[in-house]
Amino acid sequence: MTETLLSDRLIVALDFPSVTAAEAMVWQLGDAVTFYKIGLELTIAGGLDLAADLIGAGKKVFLDLKLHDIGQTVERATAAAAERGVTLLTVHAYPQTLAAAARGAQGSPLKVLGVTVLTSYDAQDLAAAGYGLGVEAMVARRAEQAREAGVAGVICAPTDATMVRSILGPNGLVVTPGVRPAGADVGDQKRIATPADAIRAGANAIVVGRPITAAADPAAAAQAILADMDSALR
């Protein structure tokens, strides 16, 4: 994705409770968006069928399931995602999980991303979960483990993108959620950046949900974000 169309650098999160609502948003966005994220909520509500429809229509799909299970289960689930034509899949960045996903994706175009630290987490959240490392150290360790496991890259906060890029090198894939246009409501996100700043920090692609899907004119909001991203690439 380092050499790709600008439109493929913007992944719109279809964080909806039903396929009907997600399909309505896809229709509103039309040709403005080529890449969609389907997360856990929509997957359970029938999102795998929607993913197939999107892929059949020439769109790209990021299946954000954050897999973490025994190795055999993760490997088989990853292989199943590859067979469906999914472009991106997330797994939690634990060494065994990463290695299993790498095996499942082997020989396919599917790119596996290791989840580092969720953008809604900060140092206090990690401490409450029993981790001894702070956010930056945890993200760095998981990025290193993703590189060692041979997966395509990681998903991380835009505030961590520069550090992660230095660990993964120029060919690693860095995808960043927690992206908000200047002045937008940050919602439940704690470690955020603007679209242009995320790209400047080293992100290959960004994930944006509510600033587009909750906008009065979603297609115009998507175009504005693409223009902001384009400014960082010039």
C-alpha atoms as a PDB file:
ATOM      1  CA  MET A   1       0.000   0.000   0.000  1.00  0.00           C
ATOM      2  CA  THR A   2       2.962   2.335  -0.005  1.00  0.00           C
ATOM      3  CA  GLU A   3       2.456   2.861  -3.755  1.00  0.00           C
ATOM      4  CA  THR A   4      -1.290   3.130  -4.059  1.00  0.00           C
ATOM      5  CA  LEU A   5      -4.173   5.354  -5.012  1.00  0.00           C
ATOM      6  CA  LEU A   6      -5.015   8.127  -2.581  1.00  0.00           C
ATOM      7  CA  SER A   7      -8.537   6.727  -2.197  1.00  0.00           C
ATOM      8  CA  ASP A   8      -7.121   3.409  -0.970  1.00  0.00           C
ATOM      9  CA  ARG A   9      -5.395   5.217   1.884  1.00  0.00           C
ATOM     10  CA  LEU A  10      -8.756   6.107   3.439  1.00  0.00           C
ATOM     11  CA  ILE A  11     -10.602   3.232   5.111  1.00  0.00           C
ATOM     12  CA  VAL A  12     -14.112   4.082   6.255  1.00  0.00           C
ATOM     13  CA  ALA A  13     -15.299   2.233   9.356  1.00  0.00           C
ATOM     14  CA  LEU A  14     -18.781   0.789   8.936  1.00  0.00           C
ATOM     15  CA  ASP A  15     -19.492   0.762  12.661  1.00  0.00           C
ATOM     16  CA  PHE A  16     -23.202   0.090  12.369  1.00  0.00           C
ATOM     17  CA  PRO A  17     -25.506  -2.361  14.167  1.00  0.00           C
ATOM     18  CA  SER A  18     -27.057  -3.718  10.970  1.00  0.00           C
ATOM     19  CA  VAL A  19     -26.142  -4.544   7.403  1.00  0.00           C
ATOM     20  CA  THR A  20     -29.024  -2.379   6.201  1.00  0.00           C
ATOM     21  CA  ALA A  21     -27.553   0.723   7.864  1.00  0.00           C
ATOM     22  CA  ALA A  22     -24.068  -0.091   6.561  1.00  0.00           C
ATOM     23  CA  GLU A  23     -25.346  -0.611   3.019  1.00  0.00           C
ATOM     24  CA  ALA A  24     -27.123   2.741   3.155  1.00  0.00           C
ATOM     25  CA  MET A  25     -23.841   4.437   4.077  1.00  0.00           C
ATOM     26  CA  VAL A  26     -21.942   2.676   1.291  1.00  0.00           C
ATOM     27  CA  TRP A  27     -24.611   3.892  -1.146  1.00  0.00           C
ATOM     28  CA  GLN A  28     -24.273   7.480   0.134  1.00  0.00           C
ATOM     29  CA  LEU A  29     -20.489   7.400  -0.214  1.00  0.00           C
ATOM     30  CA  GLY A  30     -20.580   5.985  -3.735  1.00  0.00           C
ATOM     31  CA  ASP A  31     -17.328   6.368  -5.644  1.00  0.00           C
ATOM     32  CA  ALA A  32     -15.805   8.646  -2.986  1.00  0.00           C
ATOM     33  CA  VAL A  33     -14.672   5.614  -0.951  1.00  0.00           C
ATOM     34  CA  THR A  34     -13.032   2.396  -2.141  1.00  0.00           C
ATOM     35  CA  PHE A  35     -12.042   0.765   1.176  1.00  0.00           C
ATOM     36  CA  TYR A  36     -14.254  -0.233   4.115  1.00  0.00           C
ATOM     37  CA  LYS A  37     -13.662  -1.618   7.599  1.00  0.00           C
ATOM     38  CA  ILE A  38     -16.050  -4.187   9.010  1.00  0.00           C
ATOM     39  CA  GLY A  39     -15.642  -4.670  12.749  1.00  0.00           C
ATOM     40  CA  LEU A  40     -16.950  -7.115  15.317  1.00  0.00           C
ATOM     41  CA  GLU A  41     -20.427  -5.631  15.768  1.00  0.00           C
ATOM     42  CA  LEU A  42     -21.283  -5.615  12.078  1.00  0.00           C
ATOM     43  CA  THR A  43     -19.644  -8.988  11.493  1.00  0.00           C
ATOM     44  CA  ILE A  44     -21.979 -10.596  14.023  1.00  0.00           C
ATOM     45  CA  ALA A  45     -24.929  -8.790  12.414  1.00  0.00           C
ATOM     46  CA  GLY A  46     -24.194 -10.313   8.989  1.00  0.00           C
ATOM     47  CA  GLY A  47     -21.143  -8.367   7.921  1.00  0.00           C
ATOM     48  CA  LEU A  48     -19.390 -11.298   6.249  1.00  0.00           C
ATOM     49  CA  ASP A  49     -22.082 -11.379   3.576  1.00  0.00           C
ATOM     50  CA  LEU A  50     -21.712  -7.605   3.190  1.00  0.00           C
ATOM     51  CA  ALA A  51     -17.948  -8.061   2.853  1.00  0.00           C
ATOM     52  CA  ALA A  52     -18.527 -10.497  -0.006  1.00  0.00           C
ATOM     53  CA  ASP A  53     -20.870  -8.023  -1.705  1.00  0.00           C
ATOM     54  CA  LEU A  54     -18.370  -5.177  -1.337  1.00  0.00           C
ATOM     55  CA  ILE A  55     -15.530  -7.278  -2.720  1.00  0.00           C
ATOM     56  CA  GLY A  56     -17.752  -8.377  -5.595  1.00  0.00           C
ATOM     57  CA  ALA A  57     -18.427  -4.696  -6.351  1.00  0.00           C
ATOM     58  CA  GLY A  58     -14.696  -3.940  -6.577  1.00  0.00           C
ATOM     59  CA  LYS A  59     -14.282  -2.457  -3.104  1.00  0.00           C
ATOM     60  CA  LYS A  60     -11.597  -3.465  -0.598  1.00  0.00           C
ATOM     61  CA  VAL A  61     -12.436  -4.820   2.846  1.00  0.00           C
ATOM     62  CA  PHE A  62     -10.577  -4.552   6.133  1.00  0.00           C
ATOM     63  CA  LEU A  63     -11.935  -7.229   8.471  1.00  0.00           C
ATOM     64  CA  ASP A  64     -11.198  -5.866  11.942  1.00  0.00           C
ATOM     65  CA  LEU A  65     -11.770  -8.908  14.158  1.00  0.00           C
ATOM     66  CA  LYS A  66      -8.692  -8.635  16.394  1.00  0.00           C
ATOM     67  CA  LEU A  67      -8.298 -12.400  16.482  1.00  0.00           C
ATOM     68  CA  HIS A  68      -6.638 -13.978  19.519  1.00  0.00           C
ATOM     69  CA  ASP A  69      -7.033 -17.696  20.198  1.00  0.00           C
ATOM     70  CA  ILE A  70      -5.044 -20.916  20.032  1.00  0.00           C
ATOM     71  CA  GLY A  71      -2.740 -21.067  17.049  1.00  0.00           C
ATOM     72  CA  GLN A  72      -4.710 -23.577  14.980  1.00  0.00           C
ATOM     73  CA  THR A  73      -7.912 -21.551  15.309  1.00  0.00           C
ATOM     74  CA  VAL A  74      -6.224 -18.289  14.331  1.00  0.00           C
ATOM     75  CA  GLU A  75      -4.447 -19.922  11.397  1.00  0.00           C
ATOM     76  CA  ARG A  76      -7.653 -21.418  10.013  1.00  0.00           C
ATOM     77  CA  ALA A  77      -9.670 -18.240  10.547  1.00  0.00           C
ATOM     78  CA  THR A  78      -6.996 -16.224   8.766  1.00  0.00           C
ATOM     79  CA  ALA A  79      -6.972 -18.666   5.863  1.00  0.00           C
ATOM     80  CA  ALA A  80     -10.764 -18.383   5.649  1.00  0.00           C
ATOM     81  CA  ALA A  81     -10.507 -14.585   5.456  1.00  0.00           C
ATOM     82  CA  ALA A  82      -7.933 -14.930   2.697  1.00  0.00           C
ATOM     83  CA  GLU A  83     -10.245 -17.220   0.736  1.00  0.00           C
ATOM     84  CA  ARG A  84     -12.989 -14.576   0.936  1.00  0.00           C
ATOM     85  CA  GLY A  85     -10.765 -11.992  -0.751  1.00  0.00           C
ATOM     86  CA  VAL A  86     -10.336  -9.769   2.300  1.00  0.00           C
ATOM     87  CA  THR A  87      -7.499  -7.228   1.954  1.00  0.00           C
ATOM     88  CA  LEU A  88      -6.655  -6.594   5.631  1.00  0.00           C
ATOM     89  CA  LEU A  89      -7.242  -8.606   8.823  1.00  0.00           C
ATOM     90  CA  THR A  90      -6.332  -7.732  12.409  1.00  0.00           C
ATOM     91  CA  VAL A  91      -5.056 -10.055  15.121  1.00  0.00           C
ATOM     92  CA  HIS A  92      -3.795  -9.157  18.567  1.00  0.00           C
ATOM     93  CA  ALA A  93      -0.028  -8.756  18.482  1.00  0.00           C
ATOM     94  CA  TYR A  94       0.963 -11.662  20.708  1.00  0.00           C
ATOM     95  CA  PRO A  95       3.825 -13.723  19.238  1.00  0.00           C
ATOM     96  CA  GLN A  96       1.964 -17.043  18.904  1.00  0.00           C
ATOM     97  CA  THR A  97      -1.107 -15.339  17.455  1.00  0.00           C
ATOM     98  CA  LEU A  98       0.968 -13.369  14.961  1.00  0.00           C
ATOM     99  CA  ALA A  99       2.858 -16.474  13.858  1.00  0.00           C
ATOM    100  CA  ALA A 100      -0.372 -18.438  13.390  1.00  0.00           C
ATOM    101  CA  ALA A 101      -1.936 -15.638  11.335  1.00  0.00           C
ATOM    102  CA  ALA A 102       1.187 -15.398   9.184  1.00  0.00           C
ATOM    103  CA  ARG A 103       0.856 -19.103   8.400  1.00  0.00           C
ATOM    104  CA  GLY A 104      -2.819 -18.715   7.574  1.00  0.00           C
ATOM    105  CA  ALA A 105      -2.170 -15.841   5.162  1.00  0.00           C
ATOM    106  CA  GLN A 106       0.830 -17.451   3.480  1.00  0.00           C
ATOM    107  CA  GLY A 107       0.564 -17.555  -0.295  1.00  0.00           C
ATOM    108  CA  SER A 108      -2.404 -15.154  -0.411  1.00  0.00           C
ATOM    109  CA  PRO A 109      -2.724 -11.389  -0.967  1.00  0.00           C
ATOM    110  CA  LEU A 110      -4.228 -10.990   2.525  1.00  0.00           C
ATOM    111  CA  LYS A 111      -2.260  -8.622   4.752  1.00  0.00           C
ATOM    112  CA  VAL A 112      -2.305  -9.288   8.490  1.00  0.00           C
ATOM    113  CA  LEU A 113      -1.994  -6.408  10.933  1.00  0.00           C
ATOM    114  CA  GLY A 114      -1.030  -6.870  14.565  1.00  0.00           C
ATOM    115  CA  VAL A 115      -3.006  -4.740  17.019  1.00  0.00           C
ATOM    116  CA  THR A 116      -0.577  -2.899  19.298  1.00  0.00           C
ATOM    117  CA  VAL A 117      -2.469  -0.819  21.891  1.00  0.00           C
ATOM    118  CA  LEU A 118      -6.037   0.318  21.243  1.00  0.00           C
ATOM    119  CA  THR A 119      -6.409   4.043  20.598  1.00  0.00           C
ATOM    120  CA  SER A 120      -8.950   4.268  23.425  1.00  0.00           C
ATOM    121  CA  TYR A 121      -6.284   3.092  25.918  1.00  0.00           C
ATOM    122  CA  ASP A 122      -3.709   5.159  27.768  1.00  0.00           C
ATOM    123  CA  ALA A 123      -1.037   4.305  30.352  1.00  0.00           C
ATOM    124  CA  GLN A 124      -3.585   4.084  33.174  1.00  0.00           C
ATOM    125  CA  ASP A 125      -5.659   1.595  31.204  1.00  0.00           C
ATOM    126  CA  LEU A 126      -2.629  -0.625  30.594  1.00  0.00           C
ATOM    127  CA  ALA A 127      -1.691  -0.494  34.274  1.00  0.00           C
ATOM    128  CA  ALA A 128      -5.244  -1.418  35.280  1.00  0.00           C
ATOM    129  CA  ALA A 129      -5.020  -4.441  32.950  1.00  0.00           C
ATOM    130  CA  GLY A 130      -1.835  -5.583  34.699  1.00  0.00           C
ATOM    131  CA  TYR A 131       0.759  -4.566  32.120  1.00  0.00           C
ATOM    132  CA  GLY A 132       4.042  -3.223  33.447  1.00  0.00           C
ATOM    133  CA  LEU A 133       4.941  -1.365  30.267  1.00  0.00           C
ATOM    134  CA  GLY A 134       3.686   2.067  29.299  1.00  0.00           C
ATOM    135  CA  VAL A 135       1.941   2.733  26.001  1.00  0.00           C
ATOM    136  CA  GLU A 136       5.031   3.632  23.967  1.00  0.00           C
ATOM    137  CA  ALA A 137       7.069   0.677  25.222  1.00  0.00           C
ATOM    138  CA  MET A 138       4.171  -1.718  24.668  1.00  0.00           C
ATOM    139  CA  VAL A 139       3.560  -0.478  21.129  1.00  0.00           C
ATOM    140  CA  ALA A 140       7.272  -0.769  20.334  1.00  0.00           C
ATOM    141  CA  ARG A 141       7.465  -4.335  21.636  1.00  0.00           C
ATOM    142  CA  ARG A 142       4.414  -5.439  19.696  1.00  0.00           C
ATOM    143  CA  ALA A 143       5.643  -3.780  16.514  1.00  0.00           C
ATOM    144  CA  GLU A 144       8.935  -5.656  16.874  1.00  0.00           C
ATOM    145  CA  GLN A 145       7.077  -8.926  17.427  1.00  0.00           C
ATOM    146  CA  ALA A 146       4.902  -8.313  14.370  1.00  0.00           C
ATOM    147  CA  ARG A 147       8.012  -7.730  12.269  1.00  0.00           C
ATOM    148  CA  GLU A 148       9.641 -10.891  13.616  1.00  0.00           C
ATOM    149  CA  ALA A 149       6.499 -12.952  12.940  1.00  0.00           C
ATOM    150  CA  GLY A 150       6.495 -11.878   9.295  1.00  0.00           C
ATOM    151  CA  VAL A 151       3.048 -10.264   9.164  1.00  0.00           C
ATOM    152  CA  ALA A 152       2.478  -7.238   6.921  1.00  0.00           C
ATOM    153  CA  GLY A 153       2.448  -4.640   9.670  1.00  0.00           C
ATOM    154  CA  VAL A 154       0.511  -3.221  12.569  1.00  0.00           C
ATOM    155  CA  ILE A 155      -2.431  -1.076  13.463  1.00  0.00           C
ATOM    156  CA  CYS A 156      -1.537   1.649  15.930  1.00  0.00           C
ATOM    157  CA  ALA A 157      -2.485   5.132  17.069  1.00  0.00           C
ATOM    158  CA  PRO A 158      -1.295   7.925  14.773  1.00  0.00           C
ATOM    159  CA  THR A 159       0.725   9.290  17.665  1.00  0.00           C
ATOM    160  CA  ASP A 160       2.787   6.075  17.557  1.00  0.00           C
ATOM    161  CA  ALA A 161       3.190   5.917  13.775  1.00  0.00           C
ATOM    162  CA  THR A 162       6.628   7.536  13.540  1.00  0.00           C
ATOM    163  CA  MET A 163       8.092   5.156  16.120  1.00  0.00           C
ATOM    164  CA  VAL A 164       6.412   2.144  14.539  1.00  0.00           C
ATOM    165  CA  ARG A 165       7.660   3.146  11.094  1.00  0.00           C
ATOM    166  CA  SER A 166      11.221   3.214  12.444  1.00  0.00           C
ATOM    167  CA  ILE A 167      10.764  -0.344  13.731  1.00  0.00           C
ATOM    168  CA  LEU A 168       9.023  -1.845  10.697  1.00  0.00           C
ATOM    169  CA  GLY A 169      11.108  -0.062   8.080  1.00  0.00           C
ATOM    170  CA  PRO A 170       9.889   1.361   4.777  1.00  0.00           C
ATOM    171  CA  ASN A 171       8.058  -1.774   3.640  1.00  0.00           C
ATOM    172  CA  GLY A 172       6.020  -2.357   6.786  1.00  0.00           C
ATOM    173  CA  LEU A 173       2.330  -1.544   6.689  1.00  0.00           C
ATOM    174  CA  VAL A 174       1.150   1.038   9.243  1.00  0.00           C
ATOM    175  CA  VAL A 175      -2.588   1.644   9.548  1.00  0.00           C
ATOM    176  CA  THR A 176      -3.906   4.177  12.035  1.00  0.00           C
ATOM    177  CA  PRO A 177      -7.357   4.592  13.554  1.00  0.00           C
ATOM    178  CA  GLY A 178      -7.949   7.423  16.025  1.00  0.00           C
ATOM    179  CA  VAL A 179      -7.852   9.963  13.197  1.00  0.00           C
ATOM    180  CA  ARG A 180      -9.979  13.091  13.497  1.00  0.00           C
ATOM    181  CA  PRO A 181     -10.169  16.190  11.281  1.00  0.00           C
ATOM    182  CA  ALA A 182      -9.129  19.401  13.047  1.00  0.00           C
ATOM    183  CA  GLY A 183     -11.901  20.512  15.392  1.00  0.00           C
ATOM    184  CA  ALA A 184     -13.844  17.234  15.274  1.00  0.00           C
ATOM    185  CA  ASP A 185     -15.275  15.522  18.347  1.00  0.00           C
ATOM    186  CA  VAL A 186     -12.687  13.026  19.659  1.00  0.00           C
ATOM    187  CA  GLY A 187     -15.333  10.672  21.092  1.00  0.00           C
ATOM    188  CA  ASP A 188     -13.757   7.778  23.020  1.00  0.00           C
ATOM    189  CA  GLN A 189     -10.328   8.204  21.429  1.00  0.00           C
ATOM    190  CA  LYS A 190      -7.347   9.289  23.551  1.00  0.00           C
ATOM    191  CA  ARG A 191      -4.376   9.233  21.158  1.00  0.00           C
ATOM    192  CA  ILE A 192      -5.399  11.026  17.986  1.00  0.00           C
ATOM    193  CA  ALA A 193      -4.100  13.085  15.043  1.00  0.00           C
ATOM    194  CA  THR A 194      -5.480  14.777  11.945  1.00  0.00           C
ATOM    195  CA  PRO A 195      -5.491  12.856   8.640  1.00  0.00           C
ATOM    196  CA  ALA A 196      -2.557  14.856   7.256  1.00  0.00           C
ATOM    197  CA  ASP A 197      -0.532  14.469  10.452  1.00  0.00           C
ATOM    198  CA  ALA A 198      -1.113  10.702  10.469  1.00  0.00           C
ATOM    199  CA  ILE A 199       0.205  10.427   6.915  1.00  0.00           C
ATOM    200  CA  ARG A 200       3.195  12.650   7.721  1.00  0.00           C
ATOM    201  CA  ALA A 201       3.961  10.449  10.730  1.00  0.00           C
ATOM    202  CA  GLY A 202       4.335   7.419   8.464  1.00  0.00           C
ATOM    203  CA  ALA A 203       0.874   5.864   8.154  1.00  0.00           C
ATOM    204  CA  ASN A 204       0.118   4.065   4.892  1.00  0.00           C
ATOM    205  CA  ALA A 205      -3.615   4.316   5.510  1.00  0.00           C
ATOM    206  CA  ILE A 206      -6.021   5.752   8.057  1.00  0.00           C
ATOM    207  CA  VAL A 207      -9.312   4.465   9.459  1.00  0.00           C
ATOM    208  CA  VAL A 208     -12.098   7.024   9.923  1.00  0.00           C
ATOM    209  CA  GLY A 209     -15.603   6.357  11.164  1.00  0.00           C
ATOM    210  CA  ARG A 210     -17.886   8.923  12.762  1.00  0.00           C
ATOM    211  CA  PRO A 211     -16.333  12.073  11.217  1.00  0.00           C
ATOM    212  CA  ILE A 212     -17.543  10.652   7.886  1.00  0.00           C
ATOM    213  CA  THR A 213     -20.483   8.394   8.707  1.00  0.00           C
ATOM    214  CA  ALA A 214     -22.129  10.879  11.104  1.00  0.00           C
ATOM    215  CA  ALA A 215     -21.582  13.888   8.818  1.00  0.00           C
ATOM    216  CA  ALA A 216     -24.491  15.674   7.167  1.00  0.00           C
ATOM    217  CA  ASP A 217     -22.860  14.910   3.805  1.00  0.00           C
ATOM    218  CA  PRO A 218     -20.678  11.787   4.232  1.00  0.00           C
ATOM    219  CA  ALA A 219     -19.269  11.887   0.691  1.00  0.00           C
ATOM    220  CA  ALA A 220     -18.189  15.518   1.109  1.00  0.00           C
ATOM    221  CA  ALA A 221     -16.628  14.697   4.482  1.00  0.00           C
ATOM    222  CA  ALA A 222     -14.679  11.846   2.879  1.00  0.00           C
ATOM    223  CA  GLN A 223     -13.484  14.109   0.074  1.00  0.00           C
ATOM    224  CA  ALA A 224     -12.311  16.715   2.601  1.00  0.00           C
ATOM    225  CA  ILE A 225     -10.303  14.091   4.470  1.00  0.00           C
ATOM    226  CA  LEU A 226      -8.783  12.836   1.213  1.00  0.00           C
ATOM    227  CA  ALA A 227      -7.775  16.412   0.370  1.00  0.00           C
ATOM    228  CA  ASP A 228      -6.146  16.781   3.801  1.00  0.00           C
ATOM    229  CA  MET A 229      -4.237  13.541   3.276  1.00  0.00           C
ATOM    230  CA  ASP A 230      -3.194  14.629  -0.202  1.00  0.00           C
ATOM    231  CA  SER A 231      -1.667  17.804   1.263  1.00  0.00           C
ATOM    232  CA  ALA A 232       0.653  15.627   3.353  1.00  0.00           C
ATOM    233  CA  LEU A 233       1.834  13.670   0.320  1.00  0.00           C
ATOM    234  CA  ARG A 234       2.842  16.668  -1.748  1.00  0.00           C
END
